Amino acid sequence: MFVSVKESTGMIGIKKALGAKKPVILLKFLMESIILCILGGIFGLIFVKLLLFATAESMPPPIFLSWVNVIFGVS
C-alpha cells in the first residue's frame, strides 16, 4: 500500500489541484487494494487446484478442494 501511494504522488497532487477531497483519494487506494486481494485469492485458488490435479494420482488418500474452503479463501 505504501509503495502504491508513493508511486502515485503526482496523480494525487493533480487530483487535489482539480478539487478531489481526501475521502475520494482514499477510496481509490482502498478499491485498488481490494481488487488486488481478490485477484490474488482467485489466482491462488487456481494454482492450488492445478497443483491438486497434478498430484492427485500420486497421493494415496484423495485430496479435494471443497467450496467452503474456496469461499473462505477468497473472503
C-alpha atoms as a PDB file:
ATOM      1  CA  MET A   1       0.000   0.000   0.000  1.00  0.00           C
ATOM      2  CA  PHE A   2       2.820   2.393   0.866  1.00  0.00           C
ATOM      3  CA  VAL A   3       4.510   1.738  -2.484  1.00  0.00           C
ATOM      4  CA  SER A   4       1.234   2.316  -4.301  1.00  0.00           C
ATOM      5  CA  VAL A   5       0.782   5.698  -2.622  1.00  0.00           C
ATOM      6  CA  LYS A   6       4.438   6.633  -3.057  1.00  0.00           C
ATOM      7  CA  GLU A   7       4.383   5.849  -6.787  1.00  0.00           C
ATOM      8  CA  SER A   8       1.297   7.957  -7.451  1.00  0.00           C
ATOM      9  CA  THR A   9       2.091  11.143  -5.546  1.00  0.00           C
ATOM     10  CA  GLY A  10       1.967  13.091  -8.804  1.00  0.00           C
ATOM     11  CA  MET A  11      -1.503  11.795  -9.562  1.00  0.00           C
ATOM     12  CA  ILE A  12      -2.632  12.630  -6.028  1.00  0.00           C
ATOM     13  CA  GLY A  13      -1.347  16.172  -6.486  1.00  0.00           C
ATOM     14  CA  ILE A  14      -3.220  16.561  -9.767  1.00  0.00           C
ATOM     15  CA  LYS A  15      -6.432  15.227  -8.217  1.00  0.00           C
ATOM     16  CA  LYS A  16      -6.105  17.631  -5.288  1.00  0.00           C
ATOM     17  CA  ALA A  17      -5.446  20.525  -7.676  1.00  0.00           C
ATOM     18  CA  LEU A  18      -8.627  19.641  -9.551  1.00  0.00           C
ATOM     19  CA  GLY A  19     -10.621  19.619  -6.303  1.00  0.00           C
ATOM     20  CA  ALA A  20     -10.689  15.992  -5.167  1.00  0.00           C
ATOM     21  CA  LYS A  21     -11.329  15.558  -1.472  1.00  0.00           C
ATOM     22  CA  LYS A  22      -9.324  13.287   0.814  1.00  0.00           C
ATOM     23  CA  PRO A  23     -12.039  10.556   1.032  1.00  0.00           C
ATOM     24  CA  VAL A  24     -12.137  10.273  -2.770  1.00  0.00           C
ATOM     25  CA  ILE A  25      -8.379   9.740  -2.949  1.00  0.00           C
ATOM     26  CA  LEU A  26      -8.518   7.271  -0.057  1.00  0.00           C
ATOM     27  CA  LEU A  27     -11.330   5.372  -1.771  1.00  0.00           C
ATOM     28  CA  LYS A  28      -9.186   4.971  -4.882  1.00  0.00           C
ATOM     29  CA  PHE A  29      -6.418   3.251  -2.922  1.00  0.00           C
ATOM     30  CA  LEU A  30      -8.897   1.195  -0.917  1.00  0.00           C
ATOM     31  CA  MET A  31     -10.567  -0.111  -4.077  1.00  0.00           C
ATOM     32  CA  GLU A  32      -7.178  -0.849  -5.632  1.00  0.00           C
ATOM     33  CA  SER A  33      -6.124  -2.921  -2.631  1.00  0.00           C
ATOM     34  CA  ILE A  34      -9.461  -4.781  -2.531  1.00  0.00           C
ATOM     35  CA  ILE A  35      -9.193  -5.690  -6.215  1.00  0.00           C
ATOM     36  CA  LEU A  36      -5.596  -6.863  -5.771  1.00  0.00           C
ATOM     37  CA  CYS A  37      -6.580  -9.038  -2.797  1.00  0.00           C
ATOM     38  CA  ILE A  38      -9.497 -10.639  -4.635  1.00  0.00           C
ATOM     39  CA  LEU A  39      -7.398 -11.315  -7.734  1.00  0.00           C
ATOM     40  CA  GLY A  40      -4.623 -12.760  -5.577  1.00  0.00           C
ATOM     41  CA  GLY A  41      -7.112 -15.081  -3.880  1.00  0.00           C
ATOM     42  CA  ILE A  42      -8.561 -16.235  -7.183  1.00  0.00           C
ATOM     43  CA  PHE A  43      -5.158 -16.873  -8.752  1.00  0.00           C
ATOM     44  CA  GLY A  44      -4.053 -18.669  -5.593  1.00  0.00           C
ATOM     45  CA  LEU A  45      -7.082 -20.960  -5.737  1.00  0.00           C
ATOM     46  CA  ILE A  46      -6.442 -21.688  -9.415  1.00  0.00           C
ATOM     47  CA  PHE A  47      -2.835 -22.545  -8.590  1.00  0.00           C
ATOM     48  CA  VAL A  48      -3.879 -24.858  -5.756  1.00  0.00           C
ATOM     49  CA  LYS A  49      -6.497 -26.547  -7.957  1.00  0.00           C
ATOM     50  CA  LEU A  50      -3.897 -27.173 -10.677  1.00  0.00           C
ATOM     51  CA  LEU A  51      -1.425 -28.462  -8.090  1.00  0.00           C
ATOM     52  CA  LEU A  52      -4.029 -30.830  -6.636  1.00  0.00           C
ATOM     53  CA  PHE A  53      -4.941 -32.026 -10.118  1.00  0.00           C
ATOM     54  CA  ALA A  54      -1.279 -32.725 -10.926  1.00  0.00           C
ATOM     55  CA  THR A  55      -0.552 -34.629  -7.700  1.00  0.00           C
ATOM     56  CA  ALA A  56      -3.895 -36.398  -7.170  1.00  0.00           C
ATOM     57  CA  GLU A  57      -2.786 -39.714  -8.658  1.00  0.00           C
ATOM     58  CA  SER A  58       0.459 -39.922  -6.711  1.00  0.00           C
ATOM     59  CA  MET A  59      -1.091 -39.496  -3.234  1.00  0.00           C
ATOM     60  CA  PRO A  60      -2.939 -42.386  -1.559  1.00  0.00           C
ATOM     61  CA  PRO A  61      -5.782 -40.520   0.179  1.00  0.00           C
ATOM     62  CA  PRO A  62      -7.924 -38.453  -2.173  1.00  0.00           C
ATOM     63  CA  ILE A  63      -7.387 -34.732  -1.788  1.00  0.00           C
ATOM     64  CA  PHE A  64     -10.050 -32.288  -2.923  1.00  0.00           C
ATOM     65  CA  LEU A  65     -10.855 -28.611  -2.636  1.00  0.00           C
ATOM     66  CA  SER A  66     -14.325 -28.032  -1.180  1.00  0.00           C
ATOM     67  CA  TRP A  67     -16.482 -24.995  -1.946  1.00  0.00           C
ATOM     68  CA  VAL A  68     -16.397 -24.000   1.717  1.00  0.00           C
ATOM     69  CA  ASN A  69     -12.605 -23.709   1.538  1.00  0.00           C
ATOM     70  CA  VAL A  70     -12.825 -21.774  -1.724  1.00  0.00           C
ATOM     71  CA  ILE A  71     -15.296 -19.246  -0.291  1.00  0.00           C
ATOM     72  CA  PHE A  72     -13.274 -18.963   2.898  1.00  0.00           C
ATOM     73  CA  GLY A  73     -10.079 -18.415   0.921  1.00  0.00           C
ATOM     74  CA  VAL A  74     -11.496 -15.696  -1.309  1.00  0.00           C
ATOM     75  CA  SER A  75     -13.260 -13.893   1.513  1.00  0.00           C
END
